[in-house]
Amino acid sequence: MALKRKVEQAARSDYQIRSLPTKLKIDPNDPEDVKAAKRKKIHAFKSKARFEQLDFAQNKRQNAWQQFQTTKGKAKKVGFFSGRKKESIFKSPE
């Protein structure tokens, strides 16, 4: 879990969060129809920004995984199943 949290945090750290444009800020003197239109545009802006951030994080994780696969993922580890085949201890003498 900690590794996953670190990867997500690193993905978020490089993304530049865009601020809301001044033309979309709601002024108390605006008529109701303009306020409603601005609310819809603010919602769309925030939604688009969130999806851009998710795409950025996903691409960063994907690139990290692909880089791992090309370097460390291909290396064979020496362990229980790797190495040369040993003769069975149950083999009968002939």
PDB file of N, CA and C in Angstrom:
ATOM      1  N   MET A   1       0.815  -1.202   0.000  1.00  0.00           N
ATOM      2  CA  MET A   1       0.000   0.000   0.000  1.00  0.00           C
ATOM      3  C   MET A   1       0.850   1.254   0.000  1.00  0.00           C
ATOM      4  N   ALA A   2       1.934   1.255   0.746  1.00  0.00           N
ATOM      5  CA  ALA A   2       2.770   2.448   0.830  1.00  0.00           C
ATOM      6  C   ALA A   2       3.399   2.763  -0.524  1.00  0.00           C
ATOM      7  N   LEU A   3       3.810   1.738  -1.269  1.00  0.00           N
ATOM      8  CA  LEU A   3       4.411   1.952  -2.579  1.00  0.00           C
ATOM      9  C   LEU A   3       3.397   2.579  -3.538  1.00  0.00           C
ATOM     10  N   LYS A   4       2.180   2.086  -3.503  1.00  0.00           N
ATOM     11  CA  LYS A   4       1.133   2.626  -4.370  1.00  0.00           C
ATOM     12  C   LYS A   4       0.872   4.090  -4.029  1.00  0.00           C
ATOM     13  N   ARG A   5       0.847   4.392  -2.738  1.00  0.00           N
ATOM     14  CA  ARG A   5       0.617   5.769  -2.300  1.00  0.00           C
ATOM     15  C   ARG A   5       1.747   6.675  -2.765  1.00  0.00           C
ATOM     16  N   LYS A   6       2.995   6.175  -2.707  1.00  0.00           N
ATOM     17  CA  LYS A   6       4.141   6.969  -3.147  1.00  0.00           C
ATOM     18  C   LYS A   6       4.085   7.239  -4.645  1.00  0.00           C
ATOM     19  N   VAL A   7       3.674   6.243  -5.421  1.00  0.00           N
ATOM     20  CA  VAL A   7       3.581   6.412  -6.873  1.00  0.00           C
ATOM     21  C   VAL A   7       2.512   7.443  -7.213  1.00  0.00           C
ATOM     22  N   GLU A   8       1.365   7.362  -6.544  1.00  0.00           N
ATOM     23  CA  GLU A   8       0.293   8.321  -6.817  1.00  0.00           C
ATOM     24  C   GLU A   8       0.702   9.725  -6.390  1.00  0.00           C
ATOM     25  N   GLN A   9       1.389   9.839  -5.274  1.00  0.00           N
ATOM     26  CA  GLN A   9       1.835  11.134  -4.798  1.00  0.00           C
ATOM     27  C   GLN A   9       2.858  11.738  -5.761  1.00  0.00           C
ATOM     28  N   ALA A  10       3.754  10.927  -6.264  1.00  0.00           N
ATOM     29  CA  ALA A  10       4.746  11.412  -7.225  1.00  0.00           C
ATOM     30  C   ALA A  10       4.078  11.845  -8.523  1.00  0.00           C
ATOM     31  N   ALA A  11       3.044  11.115  -8.922  1.00  0.00           N
ATOM     32  CA  ALA A  11       2.337  11.473 -10.151  1.00  0.00           C
ATOM     33  C   ALA A  11       1.618  12.813  -9.984  1.00  0.00           C
ATOM     34  N   ARG A  12       1.083  13.043  -8.792  1.00  0.00           N
ATOM     35  CA  ARG A  12       0.386  14.301  -8.551  1.00  0.00           C
ATOM     36  C   ARG A  12       1.342  15.479  -8.423  1.00  0.00           C
ATOM     37  N   SER A  13       2.550  15.229  -7.938  1.00  0.00           N
ATOM     38  CA  SER A  13       3.463  16.323  -7.636  1.00  0.00           C
ATOM     39  C   SER A  13       3.940  17.051  -8.893  1.00  0.00           C
ATOM     40  N   ASP A  14       4.068  16.379 -10.023  1.00  0.00           N
ATOM     41  CA  ASP A  14       4.571  17.005 -11.235  1.00  0.00           C
ATOM     42  C   ASP A  14       3.481  17.707 -12.037  1.00  0.00           C
ATOM     43  N   TYR A  15       2.227  17.454 -11.742  1.00  0.00           N
ATOM     44  CA  TYR A  15       1.139  18.029 -12.512  1.00  0.00           C
ATOM     45  C   TYR A  15       0.868  19.458 -12.042  1.00  0.00           C
ATOM     46  N   GLN A  16       0.781  20.383 -12.976  1.00  0.00           N
ATOM     47  CA  GLN A  16       0.500  21.780 -12.650  1.00  0.00           C
ATOM     48  C   GLN A  16      -1.009  21.991 -12.626  1.00  0.00           C
ATOM     49  N   ILE A  17      -1.529  22.343 -11.465  1.00  0.00           N
ATOM     50  CA  ILE A  17      -2.966  22.560 -11.320  1.00  0.00           C
ATOM     51  C   ILE A  17      -3.311  23.927 -11.895  1.00  0.00           C
ATOM     52  N   ARG A  18      -4.289  23.926 -12.786  1.00  0.00           N
ATOM     53  CA  ARG A  18      -4.699  25.182 -13.402  1.00  0.00           C
ATOM     54  C   ARG A  18      -5.725  25.869 -12.507  1.00  0.00           C
ATOM     55  N   SER A  19      -5.595  27.183 -12.391  1.00  0.00           N
ATOM     56  CA  SER A  19      -6.552  27.928 -11.577  1.00  0.00           C
ATOM     57  C   SER A  19      -7.725  28.358 -12.447  1.00  0.00           C
ATOM     58  N   LEU A  20      -8.812  28.654 -11.790  1.00  0.00           N
ATOM     59  CA  LEU A  20     -10.041  29.053 -12.458  1.00  0.00           C
ATOM     60  C   LEU A  20      -9.853  30.427 -13.105  1.00  0.00           C
ATOM     61  N   PRO A  21     -10.220  30.580 -14.382  1.00  0.00           N
ATOM     62  CA  PRO A  21     -10.086  31.888 -15.027  1.00  0.00           C
ATOM     63  C   PRO A  21     -10.965  32.940 -14.352  1.00  0.00           C
ATOM     64  N   THR A  22     -10.527  34.174 -14.410  1.00  0.00           N
ATOM     65  CA  THR A  22     -11.277  35.249 -13.736  1.00  0.00           C
ATOM     66  C   THR A  22     -12.635  35.472 -14.385  1.00  0.00           C
ATOM     67  N   LYS A  23     -12.755  35.189 -15.679  1.00  0.00           N
ATOM     68  CA  LYS A  23     -14.047  35.403 -16.344  1.00  0.00           C
ATOM     69  C   LYS A  23     -15.110  34.424 -15.856  1.00  0.00           C
ATOM     70  N   LEU A  24     -14.688  33.293 -15.247  1.00  0.00           N
ATOM     71  CA  LEU A  24     -15.663  32.319 -14.759  1.00  0.00           C
ATOM     72  C   LEU A  24     -16.037  32.530 -13.291  1.00  0.00           C
ATOM     73  N   LYS A  25     -15.346  33.425 -12.602  1.00  0.00           N
ATOM     74  CA  LYS A  25     -15.676  33.658 -11.199  1.00  0.00           C
ATOM     75  C   LYS A  25     -17.026  34.360 -11.099  1.00  0.00           C
ATOM     76  N   ILE A  26     -17.831  33.901 -10.157  1.00  0.00           N
ATOM     77  CA  ILE A  26     -19.190  34.424 -10.016  1.00  0.00           C
ATOM     78  C   ILE A  26     -19.151  35.728  -9.224  1.00  0.00           C
ATOM     79  N   ASP A  27     -19.717  36.764  -9.832  1.00  0.00           N
ATOM     80  CA  ASP A  27     -19.805  38.078  -9.202  1.00  0.00           C
ATOM     81  C   ASP A  27     -21.183  38.193  -8.547  1.00  0.00           C
ATOM     82  N   PRO A  28     -21.264  38.738  -7.341  1.00  0.00           N
ATOM     83  CA  PRO A  28     -22.587  38.865  -6.702  1.00  0.00           C
ATOM     84  C   PRO A  28     -23.552  39.741  -7.478  1.00  0.00           C
ATOM     85  N   ASN A  29     -23.050  40.596  -8.350  1.00  0.00           N
ATOM     86  CA  ASN A  29     -23.915  41.492  -9.124  1.00  0.00           C
ATOM     87  C   ASN A  29     -24.407  40.857 -10.423  1.00  0.00           C
ATOM     88  N   ASP A  30     -23.955  39.657 -10.733  1.00  0.00           N
ATOM     89  CA  ASP A  30     -24.381  38.984 -11.971  1.00  0.00           C
ATOM     90  C   ASP A  30     -25.848  38.574 -11.874  1.00  0.00           C
ATOM     91  N   PRO A  31     -26.566  38.641 -13.016  1.00  0.00           N
ATOM     92  CA  PRO A  31     -27.947  38.127 -13.022  1.00  0.00           C
ATOM     93  C   PRO A  31     -27.954  36.602 -12.835  1.00  0.00           C
ATOM     94  N   GLU A  32     -29.097  36.068 -12.479  1.00  0.00           N
ATOM     95  CA  GLU A  32     -29.209  34.636 -12.178  1.00  0.00           C
ATOM     96  C   GLU A  32     -28.875  33.745 -13.370  1.00  0.00           C
ATOM     97  N   ASP A  33     -29.296  34.159 -14.563  1.00  0.00           N
ATOM     98  CA  ASP A  33     -28.992  33.324 -15.735  1.00  0.00           C
ATOM     99  C   ASP A  33     -27.489  33.281 -16.017  1.00  0.00           C
ATOM    100  N   VAL A  34     -26.790  34.378 -15.794  1.00  0.00           N
ATOM    101  CA  VAL A  34     -25.337  34.405 -15.978  1.00  0.00           C
ATOM    102  C   VAL A  34     -24.660  33.561 -14.902  1.00  0.00           C
ATOM    103  N   LYS A  35     -25.166  33.640 -13.664  1.00  0.00           N
ATOM    104  CA  LYS A  35     -24.610  32.821 -12.583  1.00  0.00           C
ATOM    105  C   LYS A  35     -24.766  31.339 -12.895  1.00  0.00           C
ATOM    106  N   ALA A  36     -25.941  30.961 -13.401  1.00  0.00           N
ATOM    107  CA  ALA A  36     -26.180  29.554 -13.734  1.00  0.00           C
ATOM    108  C   ALA A  36     -25.244  29.096 -14.855  1.00  0.00           C
ATOM    109  N   ALA A  37     -25.056  29.944 -15.859  1.00  0.00           N
ATOM    110  CA  ALA A  37     -24.165  29.593 -16.969  1.00  0.00           C
ATOM    111  C   ALA A  37     -22.726  29.460 -16.474  1.00  0.00           C
ATOM    112  N   LYS A  38     -22.308  30.370 -15.584  1.00  0.00           N
ATOM    113  CA  LYS A  38     -20.958  30.310 -15.052  1.00  0.00           C
ATOM    114  C   LYS A  38     -20.762  29.063 -14.199  1.00  0.00           C
ATOM    115  N   ARG A  39     -21.795  28.686 -13.424  1.00  0.00           N
ATOM    116  CA  ARG A  39     -21.697  27.461 -12.618  1.00  0.00           C
ATOM    117  C   ARG A  39     -21.474  26.244 -13.510  1.00  0.00           C
ATOM    118  N   LYS A  40     -22.214  26.188 -14.631  1.00  0.00           N
ATOM    119  CA  LYS A  40     -22.045  25.066 -15.551  1.00  0.00           C
ATOM    120  C   LYS A  40     -20.640  25.053 -16.147  1.00  0.00           C
ATOM    121  N   LYS A  41     -20.137  26.234 -16.507  1.00  0.00           N
ATOM    122  CA  LYS A  41     -18.795  26.312 -17.090  1.00  0.00           C
ATOM    123  C   LYS A  41     -17.724  25.980 -16.060  1.00  0.00           C
ATOM    124  N   ILE A  42     -17.932  26.395 -14.807  1.00  0.00           N
ATOM    125  CA  ILE A  42     -16.992  26.064 -13.736  1.00  0.00           C
ATOM    126  C   ILE A  42     -16.963  24.557 -13.521  1.00  0.00           C
ATOM    127  N   HIS A  43     -18.142  23.953 -13.512  1.00  0.00           N
ATOM    128  CA  HIS A  43     -18.223  22.496 -13.332  1.00  0.00           C
ATOM    129  C   HIS A  43     -17.490  21.779 -14.464  1.00  0.00           C
ATOM    130  N   ALA A  44     -17.698  22.238 -15.706  1.00  0.00           N
ATOM    131  CA  ALA A  44     -17.025  21.616 -16.852  1.00  0.00           C
ATOM    132  C   ALA A  44     -15.513  21.817 -16.763  1.00  0.00           C
ATOM    133  N   PHE A  45     -15.082  23.005 -16.343  1.00  0.00           N
ATOM    134  CA  PHE A  45     -13.655  23.295 -16.222  1.00  0.00           C
ATOM    135  C   PHE A  45     -13.004  22.393 -15.184  1.00  0.00           C
ATOM    136  N   LYS A  46     -13.647  22.265 -14.018  1.00  0.00           N
ATOM    137  CA  LYS A  46     -13.091  21.427 -12.955  1.00  0.00           C
ATOM    138  C   LYS A  46     -13.069  19.956 -13.370  1.00  0.00           C
ATOM    139  N   SER A  47     -14.115  19.516 -14.058  1.00  0.00           N
ATOM    140  CA  SER A  47     -14.169  18.128 -14.506  1.00  0.00           C
ATOM    141  C   SER A  47     -13.061  17.842 -15.509  1.00  0.00           C
ATOM    142  N   LYS A  48     -12.872  18.763 -16.451  1.00  0.00           N
ATOM    143  CA  LYS A  48     -11.820  18.584 -17.460  1.00  0.00           C
ATOM    144  C   LYS A  48     -10.440  18.580 -16.796  1.00  0.00           C
ATOM    145  N   ALA A  49     -10.235  19.457 -15.827  1.00  0.00           N
ATOM    146  CA  ALA A  49      -8.950  19.529 -15.126  1.00  0.00           C
ATOM    147  C   ALA A  49      -8.698  18.235 -14.350  1.00  0.00           C
ATOM    148  N   ARG A  50      -9.747  17.683 -13.739  1.00  0.00           N
ATOM    149  CA  ARG A  50      -9.582  16.438 -12.989  1.00  0.00           C
ATOM    150  C   ARG A  50      -9.224  15.288 -13.916  1.00  0.00           C
ATOM    151  N   PHE A  51      -9.884  15.211 -15.074  1.00  0.00           N
ATOM    152  CA  PHE A  51      -9.561  14.150 -16.023  1.00  0.00           C
ATOM    153  C   PHE A  51      -8.153  14.307 -16.588  1.00  0.00           C
ATOM    154  N   GLU A  52      -7.711  15.545 -16.808  1.00  0.00           N
ATOM    155  CA  GLU A  52      -6.341  15.761 -17.267  1.00  0.00           C
ATOM    156  C   GLU A  52      -5.341  15.286 -16.217  1.00  0.00           C
ATOM    157  N   GLN A  53      -5.648  15.550 -14.955  1.00  0.00           N
ATOM    158  CA  GLN A  53      -4.755  15.111 -13.874  1.00  0.00           C
ATOM    159  C   GLN A  53      -4.722  13.587 -13.800  1.00  0.00           C
ATOM    160  N   LEU A  54      -5.875  12.943 -13.934  1.00  0.00           N
ATOM    161  CA  LEU A  54      -5.917  11.478 -13.916  1.00  0.00           C
ATOM    162  C   LEU A  54      -5.138  10.889 -15.094  1.00  0.00           C
ATOM    163  N   ASP A  55      -5.283  11.496 -16.284  1.00  0.00           N
ATOM    164  CA  ASP A  55      -4.536  11.027 -17.444  1.00  0.00           C
ATOM    165  C   ASP A  55      -3.041  11.186 -17.246  1.00  0.00           C
ATOM    166  N   PHE A  56      -2.652  12.315 -16.664  1.00  0.00           N
ATOM    167  CA  PHE A  56      -1.233  12.552 -16.408  1.00  0.00           C
ATOM    168  C   PHE A  56      -0.684  11.493 -15.457  1.00  0.00           C
ATOM    169  N   ALA A  57      -1.423  11.221 -14.375  1.00  0.00           N
ATOM    170  CA  ALA A  57      -0.971  10.227 -13.397  1.00  0.00           C
ATOM    171  C   ALA A  57      -0.907   8.835 -14.029  1.00  0.00           C
ATOM    172  N   GLN A  58      -1.913   8.508 -14.830  1.00  0.00           N
ATOM    173  CA  GLN A  58      -1.939   7.187 -15.469  1.00  0.00           C
ATOM    174  C   GLN A  58      -0.777   7.037 -16.448  1.00  0.00           C
ATOM    175  N   ASN A  59      -0.506   8.074 -17.234  1.00  0.00           N
ATOM    176  CA  ASN A  59       0.602   8.007 -18.181  1.00  0.00           C
ATOM    177  C   ASN A  59       1.936   7.888 -17.467  1.00  0.00           C
ATOM    178  N   LYS A  60       2.054   8.568 -16.334  1.00  0.00           N
ATOM    179  CA  LYS A  60       3.308   8.497 -15.586  1.00  0.00           C
ATOM    180  C   LYS A  60       3.520   7.086 -15.024  1.00  0.00           C
ATOM    181  N   ARG A  61       2.458   6.494 -14.464  1.00  0.00           N
ATOM    182  CA  ARG A  61       2.572   5.124 -13.959  1.00  0.00           C
ATOM    183  C   ARG A  61       2.860   4.143 -15.097  1.00  0.00           C
ATOM    184  N   GLN A  62       2.207   4.363 -16.245  1.00  0.00           N
ATOM    185  CA  GLN A  62       2.419   3.481 -17.396  1.00  0.00           C
ATOM    186  C   GLN A  62       3.862   3.571 -17.885  1.00  0.00           C
ATOM    187  N   ASN A  63       4.391   4.769 -17.963  1.00  0.00           N
ATOM    188  CA  ASN A  63       5.777   4.934 -18.394  1.00  0.00           C
ATOM    189  C   ASN A  63       6.742   4.294 -17.402  1.00  0.00           C
ATOM    190  N   ALA A  64       6.451   4.438 -16.108  1.00  0.00           N
ATOM    191  CA  ALA A  64       7.306   3.820 -15.095  1.00  0.00           C
ATOM    192  C   ALA A  64       7.287   2.298 -15.234  1.00  0.00           C
ATOM    193  N   TRP A  65       6.114   1.743 -15.480  1.00  0.00           N
ATOM    194  CA  TRP A  65       6.002   0.295 -15.634  1.00  0.00           C
ATOM    195  C   TRP A  65       6.731  -0.182 -16.890  1.00  0.00           C
ATOM    196  N   GLN A  66       6.561   0.552 -17.983  1.00  0.00           N
ATOM    197  CA  GLN A  66       7.225   0.155 -19.220  1.00  0.00           C
ATOM    198  C   GLN A  66       8.744   0.260 -19.082  1.00  0.00           C
ATOM    199  N   GLN A  67       9.201   1.263 -18.384  1.00  0.00           N
ATOM    200  CA  GLN A  67      10.634   1.406 -18.158  1.00  0.00           C
ATOM    201  C   GLN A  67      11.147   0.253 -17.295  1.00  0.00           C
ATOM    202  N   PHE A  68      10.370  -0.136 -16.298  1.00  0.00           N
ATOM    203  CA  PHE A  68      10.752  -1.275 -15.459  1.00  0.00           C
ATOM    204  C   PHE A  68      10.811  -2.551 -16.288  1.00  0.00           C
ATOM    205  N   GLN A  69       9.822  -2.733 -17.155  1.00  0.00           N
ATOM    206  CA  GLN A  69       9.772  -3.939 -17.977  1.00  0.00           C
ATOM    207  C   GLN A  69      10.978  -4.029 -18.914  1.00  0.00           C
ATOM    208  N   THR A  70      11.432  -2.895 -19.425  1.00  0.00           N
ATOM    209  CA  THR A  70      12.548  -2.943 -20.366  1.00  0.00           C
ATOM    210  C   THR A  70      13.887  -3.139 -19.662  1.00  0.00           C
ATOM    211  N   THR A  71      13.964  -2.767 -18.387  1.00  0.00           N
ATOM    212  CA  THR A  71      15.252  -2.876 -17.707  1.00  0.00           C
ATOM    213  C   THR A  71      15.267  -4.039 -16.721  1.00  0.00           C
ATOM    214  N   LYS A  72      14.634  -3.882 -15.594  1.00  0.00           N
ATOM    215  CA  LYS A  72      14.720  -4.872 -14.515  1.00  0.00           C
ATOM    216  C   LYS A  72      13.771  -6.048 -14.708  1.00  0.00           C
ATOM    217  N   GLY A  73      12.673  -5.839 -15.417  1.00  0.00           N
ATOM    218  CA  GLY A  73      11.682  -6.890 -15.566  1.00  0.00           C
ATOM    219  C   GLY A  73      12.153  -8.055 -16.397  1.00  0.00           C
ATOM    220  N   LYS A  74      13.099  -7.831 -17.270  1.00  0.00           N
ATOM    221  CA  LYS A  74      13.581  -8.895 -18.158  1.00  0.00           C
ATOM    222  C   LYS A  74      14.658  -9.755 -17.509  1.00  0.00           C
ATOM    223  N   ALA A  75      15.298  -9.245 -16.475  1.00  0.00           N
ATOM    224  CA  ALA A  75      16.406  -9.976 -15.842  1.00  0.00           C
ATOM    225  C   ALA A  75      15.872 -11.201 -15.106  1.00  0.00           C
ATOM    226  N   LYS A  76      16.571 -12.302 -15.251  1.00  0.00           N
ATOM    227  CA  LYS A  76      16.184 -13.532 -14.555  1.00  0.00           C
ATOM    228  C   LYS A  76      16.771 -13.508 -13.155  1.00  0.00           C
ATOM    229  N   LYS A  77      15.961 -13.829 -12.185  1.00  0.00           N
ATOM    230  CA  LYS A  77      16.447 -13.893 -10.814  1.00  0.00           C
ATOM    231  C   LYS A  77      16.909 -15.303 -10.505  1.00  0.00           C
ATOM    232  N   VAL A  78      17.985 -15.402  -9.758  1.00  0.00           N
ATOM    233  CA  VAL A  78      18.475 -16.699  -9.323  1.00  0.00           C
ATOM    234  C   VAL A  78      17.697 -17.055  -8.066  1.00  0.00           C
ATOM    235  N   GLY A  79      17.067 -18.204  -8.096  1.00  0.00           N
ATOM    236  CA  GLY A  79      16.257 -18.576  -6.948  1.00  0.00           C
ATOM    237  C   GLY A  79      15.874 -20.028  -6.988  1.00  0.00           C
ATOM    238  N   PHE A  80      14.728 -20.337  -6.456  1.00  0.00           N
ATOM    239  CA  PHE A  80      14.282 -21.715  -6.298  1.00  0.00           C
ATOM    240  C   PHE A  80      14.084 -22.413  -7.645  1.00  0.00           C
ATOM    241  N   PHE A  81      13.389 -21.773  -8.562  1.00  0.00           N
ATOM    242  CA  PHE A  81      13.065 -22.431  -9.821  1.00  0.00           C
ATOM    243  C   PHE A  81      14.073 -22.159 -10.925  1.00  0.00           C
ATOM    244  N   SER A  82      14.918 -21.170 -10.750  1.00  0.00           N
ATOM    245  CA  SER A  82      15.858 -20.850 -11.821  1.00  0.00           C
ATOM    246  C   SER A  82      17.154 -21.633 -11.645  1.00  0.00           C
ATOM    247  N   GLY A  83      17.974 -21.550 -12.644  1.00  0.00           N
ATOM    248  CA  GLY A  83      19.242 -22.282 -12.581  1.00  0.00           C
ATOM    249  C   GLY A  83      19.143 -23.615 -13.301  1.00  0.00           C
ATOM    250  N   ARG A  84      20.173 -24.422 -13.175  1.00  0.00           N
ATOM    251  CA  ARG A  84      20.171 -25.706 -13.879  1.00  0.00           C
ATOM    252  C   ARG A  84      19.312 -26.721 -13.127  1.00  0.00           C
ATOM    253  N   LYS A  85      18.833 -27.696 -13.856  1.00  0.00           N
ATOM    254  CA  LYS A  85      17.996 -28.734 -13.275  1.00  0.00           C
ATOM    255  C   LYS A  85      18.854 -29.691 -12.458  1.00  0.00           C
ATOM    256  N   LYS A  86      18.402 -29.974 -11.256  1.00  0.00           N
ATOM    257  CA  LYS A  86      19.124 -30.917 -10.397  1.00  0.00           C
ATOM    258  C   LYS A  86      18.454 -32.275 -10.507  1.00  0.00           C
ATOM    259  N   GLU A  87      19.216 -33.284 -10.197  1.00  0.00           N
ATOM    260  CA  GLU A  87      18.643 -34.624 -10.256  1.00  0.00           C
ATOM    261  C   GLU A  87      17.716 -34.838  -9.079  1.00  0.00           C
ATOM    262  N   SER A  88      16.711 -35.636  -9.285  1.00  0.00           N
ATOM    263  CA  SER A  88      15.730 -35.898  -8.255  1.00  0.00           C
ATOM    264  C   SER A  88      16.335 -36.736  -7.130  1.00  0.00           C
ATOM    265  N   ILE A  89      15.924 -36.447  -5.908  1.00  0.00           N
ATOM    266  CA  ILE A  89      16.411 -37.243  -4.775  1.00  0.00           C
ATOM    267  C   ILE A  89      15.685 -38.582  -4.709  1.00  0.00           C
ATOM    268  N   PHE A  90      14.608 -38.715  -5.455  1.00  0.00           N
ATOM    269  CA  PHE A  90      13.836 -39.950  -5.457  1.00  0.00           C
ATOM    270  C   PHE A  90      14.198 -40.866  -6.636  1.00  0.00           C
ATOM    271  N   LYS A  91      15.182 -40.470  -7.422  1.00  0.00           N
ATOM    272  CA  LYS A  91      15.570 -41.250  -8.594  1.00  0.00           C
ATOM    273  C   LYS A  91      16.171 -42.587  -8.145  1.00  0.00           C
ATOM    274  N   SER A  92      15.712 -43.659  -8.788  1.00  0.00           N
ATOM    275  CA  SER A  92      16.231 -44.983  -8.421  1.00  0.00           C
ATOM    276  C   SER A  92      17.540 -45.250  -9.146  1.00  0.00           C
ATOM    277  N   PRO A  93      18.488 -45.879  -8.475  1.00  0.00           N
ATOM    278  CA  PRO A  93      19.761 -46.186  -9.158  1.00  0.00           C
ATOM    279  C   PRO A  93      19.556 -47.267 -10.215  1.00  0.00           C
ATOM    280  N   GLU A  94      20.201 -47.148 -11.318  1.00  0.00           N
ATOM    281  CA  GLU A  94      20.027 -48.128 -12.408  1.00  0.00           C
ATOM    282  C   GLU A  94      21.275 -48.916 -12.660  1.00  0.00           C
TER     283      GLU A  94
END
